[in-house]
Amino acid sequence: MSRWIVNIVLSACLSMAASFGAATPGEIESADKAWATAVRTRDIASLEKIFASGLIYAHASGAVEDKQKYIDRLKSGKQRYDSVTIETTKVVMYGESAVSHSVVRTTGVNDQGPFNDHVMMMHFWVRQKGNWILAAHQTTKVP
Protein backbone atom coordinates (compact mmCIF):
# COMPACT_ATOMS: atom_id res chain seq x y z
CA MET A 1 0.00 0.00 0.00
CA SER A 2 2.73 2.47 0.93
CA ARG A 3 4.58 1.72 -2.33
CA TRP A 4 1.39 2.52 -4.25
CA ILE A 5 1.05 5.89 -2.45
CA VAL A 6 4.72 6.71 -3.08
CA ASN A 7 4.22 6.01 -6.81
CA ILE A 8 1.16 8.25 -6.98
CA VAL A 9 2.89 11.10 -5.12
CA LEU A 10 6.02 10.74 -7.27
CA SER A 11 3.96 10.75 -10.48
CA ALA A 12 2.08 13.85 -9.34
CA CYS A 13 5.32 15.66 -8.49
CA LEU A 14 6.90 14.80 -11.84
CA SER A 15 3.78 15.90 -13.67
CA MET A 16 3.71 19.22 -11.81
CA ALA A 17 7.43 19.78 -12.43
CA ALA A 18 7.01 19.19 -16.17
CA SER A 19 4.14 21.63 -16.42
CA PHE A 20 5.67 24.25 -14.10
CA GLY A 21 8.01 25.66 -16.75
CA ALA A 22 5.61 25.23 -19.65
CA ALA A 23 5.16 28.38 -21.70
CA THR A 24 1.68 29.73 -22.35
CA PRO A 25 0.13 31.67 -25.23
CA GLY A 26 -0.58 34.47 -22.74
CA GLU A 27 3.16 35.02 -22.30
CA ILE A 28 3.53 35.52 -26.05
CA GLU A 29 0.53 37.85 -26.22
CA SER A 30 2.19 39.90 -23.46
CA ALA A 31 5.48 39.90 -25.38
CA ASP A 32 3.67 41.14 -28.52
CA LYS A 33 2.06 43.93 -26.48
CA ALA A 34 5.47 44.87 -25.04
CA TRP A 35 6.85 45.03 -28.61
CA ALA A 36 3.93 47.25 -29.71
CA THR A 37 4.42 49.65 -26.80
CA ALA A 38 8.19 49.80 -27.30
CA VAL A 39 8.02 50.59 -31.04
CA ARG A 40 5.24 53.15 -30.51
CA THR A 41 7.13 54.96 -27.75
CA ARG A 42 10.56 54.42 -29.36
CA ASP A 43 11.74 52.73 -26.17
CA ILE A 44 15.13 51.68 -27.53
CA ALA A 45 16.31 50.14 -24.23
CA SER A 46 13.33 47.77 -24.21
CA LEU A 47 13.73 46.94 -27.90
CA GLU A 48 17.40 46.06 -27.32
CA LYS A 49 16.17 43.42 -24.85
CA ILE A 50 13.14 42.30 -26.90
CA PHE A 51 15.01 41.81 -30.20
CA ALA A 52 17.28 38.80 -30.78
CA SER A 53 20.80 39.65 -31.91
CA GLY A 54 20.08 37.91 -35.24
CA LEU A 55 16.66 39.53 -35.72
CA ILE A 56 15.17 39.42 -39.23
CA TYR A 57 12.68 42.31 -39.55
CA ALA A 58 10.71 42.13 -42.81
CA HIS A 59 8.28 44.95 -43.59
CA ALA A 60 5.13 44.76 -45.74
CA SER A 61 6.96 46.96 -48.26
CA GLY A 62 9.47 44.17 -48.86
CA ALA A 63 12.29 45.92 -47.00
CA VAL A 64 14.28 43.63 -44.70
CA GLU A 65 16.38 44.93 -41.82
CA ASP A 66 18.50 43.51 -39.05
CA LYS A 67 18.27 44.55 -35.40
CA GLN A 68 20.71 47.45 -35.57
CA LYS A 69 19.37 48.90 -38.83
CA TYR A 70 15.78 48.87 -37.57
CA ILE A 71 16.72 50.39 -34.20
CA ASP A 72 18.77 53.08 -35.97
CA ARG A 73 15.73 54.01 -38.10
CA LEU A 74 13.59 54.34 -34.96
CA LYS A 75 16.25 56.42 -33.20
CA SER A 76 16.63 58.78 -36.17
CA GLY A 77 12.86 59.24 -36.57
CA LYS A 78 12.91 57.79 -40.10
CA GLN A 79 10.44 55.22 -38.75
CA ARG A 80 7.86 56.52 -36.28
CA TYR A 81 4.70 54.86 -35.03
CA ASP A 82 1.90 57.06 -33.73
CA SER A 83 -0.30 54.05 -33.00
CA VAL A 84 0.04 50.27 -32.96
CA THR A 85 -3.22 48.42 -32.35
CA ILE A 86 -3.21 44.63 -32.17
CA GLU A 87 -6.73 43.58 -33.22
CA THR A 88 -6.47 39.79 -33.07
CA THR A 89 -3.76 37.29 -32.19
CA LYS A 90 -3.36 33.53 -32.52
CA VAL A 91 -0.40 31.88 -30.79
CA VAL A 92 1.03 28.41 -31.42
CA MET A 93 3.59 27.15 -28.90
CA TYR A 94 6.57 24.96 -29.82
CA GLY A 95 8.32 24.28 -26.51
CA GLU A 96 10.84 27.08 -26.04
CA SER A 97 9.61 28.93 -29.14
CA ALA A 98 6.31 30.25 -30.43
CA VAL A 99 4.69 31.79 -33.48
CA SER A 100 2.15 34.57 -33.13
CA HIS A 101 -0.06 35.68 -36.01
CA SER A 102 -1.86 38.98 -35.49
CA VAL A 103 -3.92 41.50 -37.40
CA VAL A 104 -2.53 44.94 -36.60
CA ARG A 105 -3.33 48.57 -37.48
CA THR A 106 -0.35 50.95 -37.47
CA THR A 107 -0.13 54.66 -38.19
CA GLY A 108 2.91 56.88 -38.35
CA VAL A 109 5.58 58.23 -40.67
CA ASN A 110 8.43 56.54 -42.53
CA ASP A 111 10.73 57.29 -45.49
CA GLN A 112 7.74 57.31 -47.87
CA GLY A 113 5.69 59.67 -45.69
CA PRO A 114 2.62 59.13 -43.50
CA PHE A 115 1.18 55.62 -43.34
CA ASN A 116 -2.01 54.02 -42.09
CA ASP A 117 -1.43 50.29 -42.54
CA HIS A 118 -3.68 47.34 -41.83
CA VAL A 119 -1.41 44.29 -41.78
CA MET A 120 -1.12 40.65 -40.83
CA MET A 121 1.92 40.25 -38.60
CA MET A 122 3.88 37.08 -37.91
CA HIS A 123 6.30 37.01 -34.99
CA PHE A 124 8.67 34.17 -34.12
CA TRP A 125 9.57 34.19 -30.43
CA VAL A 126 12.31 32.17 -28.70
CA ARG A 127 12.75 31.79 -24.95
CA GLN A 128 16.37 32.30 -23.90
CA LYS A 129 17.51 32.50 -20.29
CA GLY A 130 13.88 32.76 -19.20
CA ASN A 131 13.05 35.69 -21.47
CA TRP A 132 11.04 35.76 -24.69
CA ILE A 133 12.99 37.43 -27.49
CA LEU A 134 11.78 38.30 -30.98
CA ALA A 135 13.80 36.43 -33.63
CA ALA A 136 11.69 37.30 -36.69
CA HIS A 137 9.01 39.81 -37.71
CA GLN A 138 7.07 39.73 -40.99
CA THR A 139 4.12 41.86 -42.08
CA THR A 140 1.83 41.61 -45.09
CA LYS A 141 -0.78 44.22 -45.98
CA VAL A 142 -4.39 43.11 -45.55
CA PRO A 143 -6.18 43.53 -48.90
C-alpha atoms as a PDB file:
ATOM      1  CA  MET A   1       0.000   0.000   0.000  1.00  0.00           C
ATOM      2  CA  SER A   2       2.730   2.474   0.932  1.00  0.00           C
ATOM      3  CA  ARG A   3       4.578   1.720  -2.330  1.00  0.00           C
ATOM      4  CA  TRP A   4       1.391   2.525  -4.253  1.00  0.00           C
ATOM      5  CA  ILE A   5       1.047   5.889  -2.449  1.00  0.00           C
ATOM      6  CA  VAL A   6       4.718   6.711  -3.077  1.00  0.00           C
ATOM      7  CA  ASN A   7       4.222   6.010  -6.805  1.00  0.00           C
ATOM      8  CA  ILE A   8       1.160   8.251  -6.980  1.00  0.00           C
ATOM      9  CA  VAL A   9       2.890  11.099  -5.124  1.00  0.00           C
ATOM     10  CA  LEU A  10       6.022  10.739  -7.273  1.00  0.00           C
ATOM     11  CA  SER A  11       3.957  10.753 -10.477  1.00  0.00           C
ATOM     12  CA  ALA A  12       2.076  13.846  -9.341  1.00  0.00           C
ATOM     13  CA  CYS A  13       5.318  15.660  -8.488  1.00  0.00           C
ATOM     14  CA  LEU A  14       6.902  14.800 -11.836  1.00  0.00           C
ATOM     15  CA  SER A  15       3.783  15.902 -13.671  1.00  0.00           C
ATOM     16  CA  MET A  16       3.715  19.223 -11.814  1.00  0.00           C
ATOM     17  CA  ALA A  17       7.427  19.778 -12.429  1.00  0.00           C
ATOM     18  CA  ALA A  18       7.010  19.188 -16.165  1.00  0.00           C
ATOM     19  CA  SER A  19       4.135  21.635 -16.418  1.00  0.00           C
ATOM     20  CA  PHE A  20       5.668  24.254 -14.101  1.00  0.00           C
ATOM     21  CA  GLY A  21       8.012  25.662 -16.750  1.00  0.00           C
ATOM     22  CA  ALA A  22       5.609  25.229 -19.655  1.00  0.00           C
ATOM     23  CA  ALA A  23       5.162  28.380 -21.695  1.00  0.00           C
ATOM     24  CA  THR A  24       1.685  29.728 -22.346  1.00  0.00           C
ATOM     25  CA  PRO A  25       0.131  31.671 -25.229  1.00  0.00           C
ATOM     26  CA  GLY A  26      -0.581  34.472 -22.744  1.00  0.00           C
ATOM     27  CA  GLU A  27       3.161  35.018 -22.295  1.00  0.00           C
ATOM     28  CA  ILE A  28       3.531  35.517 -26.049  1.00  0.00           C
ATOM     29  CA  GLU A  29       0.534  37.852 -26.217  1.00  0.00           C
ATOM     30  CA  SER A  30       2.194  39.900 -23.455  1.00  0.00           C
ATOM     31  CA  ALA A  31       5.480  39.898 -25.385  1.00  0.00           C
ATOM     32  CA  ASP A  32       3.670  41.139 -28.517  1.00  0.00           C
ATOM     33  CA  LYS A  33       2.064  43.929 -26.479  1.00  0.00           C
ATOM     34  CA  ALA A  34       5.469  44.872 -25.044  1.00  0.00           C
ATOM     35  CA  TRP A  35       6.852  45.027 -28.611  1.00  0.00           C
ATOM     36  CA  ALA A  36       3.926  47.248 -29.713  1.00  0.00           C
ATOM     37  CA  THR A  37       4.419  49.645 -26.798  1.00  0.00           C
ATOM     38  CA  ALA A  38       8.186  49.801 -27.298  1.00  0.00           C
ATOM     39  CA  VAL A  39       8.021  50.593 -31.036  1.00  0.00           C
ATOM     40  CA  ARG A  40       5.239  53.150 -30.514  1.00  0.00           C
ATOM     41  CA  THR A  41       7.132  54.962 -27.749  1.00  0.00           C
ATOM     42  CA  ARG A  42      10.558  54.420 -29.355  1.00  0.00           C
ATOM     43  CA  ASP A  43      11.743  52.726 -26.169  1.00  0.00           C
ATOM     44  CA  ILE A  44      15.130  51.676 -27.525  1.00  0.00           C
ATOM     45  CA  ALA A  45      16.312  50.144 -24.227  1.00  0.00           C
ATOM     46  CA  SER A  46      13.325  47.773 -24.208  1.00  0.00           C
ATOM     47  CA  LEU A  47      13.729  46.940 -27.898  1.00  0.00           C
ATOM     48  CA  GLU A  48      17.397  46.063 -27.325  1.00  0.00           C
ATOM     49  CA  LYS A  49      16.167  43.421 -24.849  1.00  0.00           C
ATOM     50  CA  ILE A  50      13.142  42.297 -26.897  1.00  0.00           C
ATOM     51  CA  PHE A  51      15.009  41.806 -30.196  1.00  0.00           C
ATOM     52  CA  ALA A  52      17.276  38.801 -30.783  1.00  0.00           C
ATOM     53  CA  SER A  53      20.799  39.649 -31.910  1.00  0.00           C
ATOM     54  CA  GLY A  54      20.078  37.905 -35.238  1.00  0.00           C
ATOM     55  CA  LEU A  55      16.660  39.525 -35.721  1.00  0.00           C
ATOM     56  CA  ILE A  56      15.167  39.423 -39.227  1.00  0.00           C
ATOM     57  CA  TYR A  57      12.677  42.312 -39.547  1.00  0.00           C
ATOM     58  CA  ALA A  58      10.711  42.130 -42.812  1.00  0.00           C
ATOM     59  CA  HIS A  59       8.283  44.953 -43.593  1.00  0.00           C
ATOM     60  CA  ALA A  60       5.130  44.758 -45.736  1.00  0.00           C
ATOM     61  CA  SER A  61       6.964  46.959 -48.264  1.00  0.00           C
ATOM     62  CA  GLY A  62       9.468  44.168 -48.863  1.00  0.00           C
ATOM     63  CA  ALA A  63      12.292  45.921 -46.999  1.00  0.00           C
ATOM     64  CA  VAL A  64      14.277  43.634 -44.699  1.00  0.00           C
ATOM     65  CA  GLU A  65      16.384  44.935 -41.820  1.00  0.00           C
ATOM     66  CA  ASP A  66      18.502  43.511 -39.051  1.00  0.00           C
ATOM     67  CA  LYS A  67      18.274  44.547 -35.402  1.00  0.00           C
ATOM     68  CA  GLN A  68      20.706  47.454 -35.574  1.00  0.00           C
ATOM     69  CA  LYS A  69      19.373  48.899 -38.834  1.00  0.00           C
ATOM     70  CA  TYR A  70      15.777  48.867 -37.569  1.00  0.00           C
ATOM     71  CA  ILE A  71      16.721  50.385 -34.201  1.00  0.00           C
ATOM     72  CA  ASP A  72      18.772  53.077 -35.971  1.00  0.00           C
ATOM     73  CA  ARG A  73      15.725  54.011 -38.096  1.00  0.00           C
ATOM     74  CA  LEU A  74      13.593  54.345 -34.964  1.00  0.00           C
ATOM     75  CA  LYS A  75      16.255  56.424 -33.199  1.00  0.00           C
ATOM     76  CA  SER A  76      16.627  58.780 -36.174  1.00  0.00           C
ATOM     77  CA  GLY A  77      12.864  59.243 -36.568  1.00  0.00           C
ATOM     78  CA  LYS A  78      12.914  57.787 -40.104  1.00  0.00           C
ATOM     79  CA  GLN A  79      10.442  55.216 -38.748  1.00  0.00           C
ATOM     80  CA  ARG A  80       7.865  56.522 -36.279  1.00  0.00           C
ATOM     81  CA  TYR A  81       4.696  54.862 -35.026  1.00  0.00           C
ATOM     82  CA  ASP A  82       1.897  57.062 -33.733  1.00  0.00           C
ATOM     83  CA  SER A  83      -0.299  54.053 -32.997  1.00  0.00           C
ATOM     84  CA  VAL A  84       0.040  50.274 -32.962  1.00  0.00           C
ATOM     85  CA  THR A  85      -3.218  48.423 -32.345  1.00  0.00           C
ATOM     86  CA  ILE A  86      -3.211  44.626 -32.171  1.00  0.00           C
ATOM     87  CA  GLU A  87      -6.727  43.582 -33.222  1.00  0.00           C
ATOM     88  CA  THR A  88      -6.466  39.786 -33.070  1.00  0.00           C
ATOM     89  CA  THR A  89      -3.761  37.287 -32.186  1.00  0.00           C
ATOM     90  CA  LYS A  90      -3.363  33.529 -32.520  1.00  0.00           C
ATOM     91  CA  VAL A  91      -0.400  31.878 -30.793  1.00  0.00           C
ATOM     92  CA  VAL A  92       1.031  28.410 -31.418  1.00  0.00           C
ATOM     93  CA  MET A  93       3.591  27.151 -28.903  1.00  0.00           C
ATOM     94  CA  TYR A  94       6.573  24.960 -29.824  1.00  0.00           C
ATOM     95  CA  GLY A  95       8.315  24.284 -26.512  1.00  0.00           C
ATOM     96  CA  GLU A  96      10.844  27.082 -26.042  1.00  0.00           C
ATOM     97  CA  SER A  97       9.606  28.925 -29.139  1.00  0.00           C
ATOM     98  CA  ALA A  98       6.310  30.250 -30.435  1.00  0.00           C
ATOM     99  CA  VAL A  99       4.690  31.790 -33.481  1.00  0.00           C
ATOM    100  CA  SER A 100       2.147  34.570 -33.133  1.00  0.00           C
ATOM    101  CA  HIS A 101      -0.056  35.681 -36.011  1.00  0.00           C
ATOM    102  CA  SER A 102      -1.864  38.977 -35.494  1.00  0.00           C
ATOM    103  CA  VAL A 103      -3.919  41.495 -37.397  1.00  0.00           C
ATOM    104  CA  VAL A 104      -2.527  44.936 -36.601  1.00  0.00           C
ATOM    105  CA  ARG A 105      -3.327  48.565 -37.477  1.00  0.00           C
ATOM    106  CA  THR A 106      -0.349  50.950 -37.475  1.00  0.00           C
ATOM    107  CA  THR A 107      -0.127  54.656 -38.193  1.00  0.00           C
ATOM    108  CA  GLY A 108       2.906  56.882 -38.346  1.00  0.00           C
ATOM    109  CA  VAL A 109       5.576  58.232 -40.668  1.00  0.00           C
ATOM    110  CA  ASN A 110       8.429  56.538 -42.529  1.00  0.00           C
ATOM    111  CA  ASP A 111      10.726  57.291 -45.490  1.00  0.00           C
ATOM    112  CA  GLN A 112       7.742  57.313 -47.865  1.00  0.00           C
ATOM    113  CA  GLY A 113       5.694  59.671 -45.688  1.00  0.00           C
ATOM    114  CA  PRO A 114       2.622  59.133 -43.499  1.00  0.00           C
ATOM    115  CA  PHE A 115       1.184  55.624 -43.335  1.00  0.00           C
ATOM    116  CA  ASN A 116      -2.009  54.018 -42.090  1.00  0.00           C
ATOM    117  CA  ASP A 117      -1.435  50.287 -42.541  1.00  0.00           C
ATOM    118  CA  HIS A 118      -3.678  47.345 -41.832  1.00  0.00           C
ATOM    119  CA  VAL A 119      -1.408  44.287 -41.779  1.00  0.00           C
ATOM    120  CA  MET A 120      -1.120  40.650 -40.834  1.00  0.00           C
ATOM    121  CA  MET A 121       1.919  40.248 -38.602  1.00  0.00           C
ATOM    122  CA  MET A 122       3.885  37.077 -37.911  1.00  0.00           C
ATOM    123  CA  HIS A 123       6.304  37.013 -34.987  1.00  0.00           C
ATOM    124  CA  PHE A 124       8.670  34.170 -34.123  1.00  0.00           C
ATOM    125  CA  TRP A 125       9.574  34.194 -30.430  1.00  0.00           C
ATOM    126  CA  VAL A 126      12.314  32.168 -28.699  1.00  0.00           C
ATOM    127  CA  ARG A 127      12.750  31.794 -24.946  1.00  0.00           C
ATOM    128  CA  GLN A 128      16.367  32.302 -23.899  1.00  0.00           C
ATOM    129  CA  LYS A 129      17.514  32.499 -20.290  1.00  0.00           C
ATOM    130  CA  GLY A 130      13.885  32.755 -19.195  1.00  0.00           C
ATOM    131  CA  ASN A 131      13.046  35.695 -21.472  1.00  0.00           C
ATOM    132  CA  TRP A 132      11.039  35.761 -24.688  1.00  0.00           C
ATOM    133  CA  ILE A 133      12.986  37.430 -27.493  1.00  0.00           C
ATOM    134  CA  LEU A 134      11.782  38.297 -30.979  1.00  0.00           C
ATOM    135  CA  ALA A 135      13.798  36.427 -33.632  1.00  0.00           C
ATOM    136  CA  ALA A 136      11.687  37.298 -36.689  1.00  0.00           C
ATOM    137  CA  HIS A 137       9.008  39.809 -37.706  1.00  0.00           C
ATOM    138  CA  GLN A 138       7.069  39.734 -40.992  1.00  0.00           C
ATOM    139  CA  THR A 139       4.120  41.862 -42.082  1.00  0.00           C
ATOM    140  CA  THR A 140       1.831  41.614 -45.095  1.00  0.00           C
ATOM    141  CA  LYS A 141      -0.783  44.216 -45.976  1.00  0.00           C
ATOM    142  CA  VAL A 142      -4.390  43.108 -45.554  1.00  0.00           C
ATOM    143  CA  PRO A 143      -6.184  43.531 -48.904  1.00  0.00           C
END
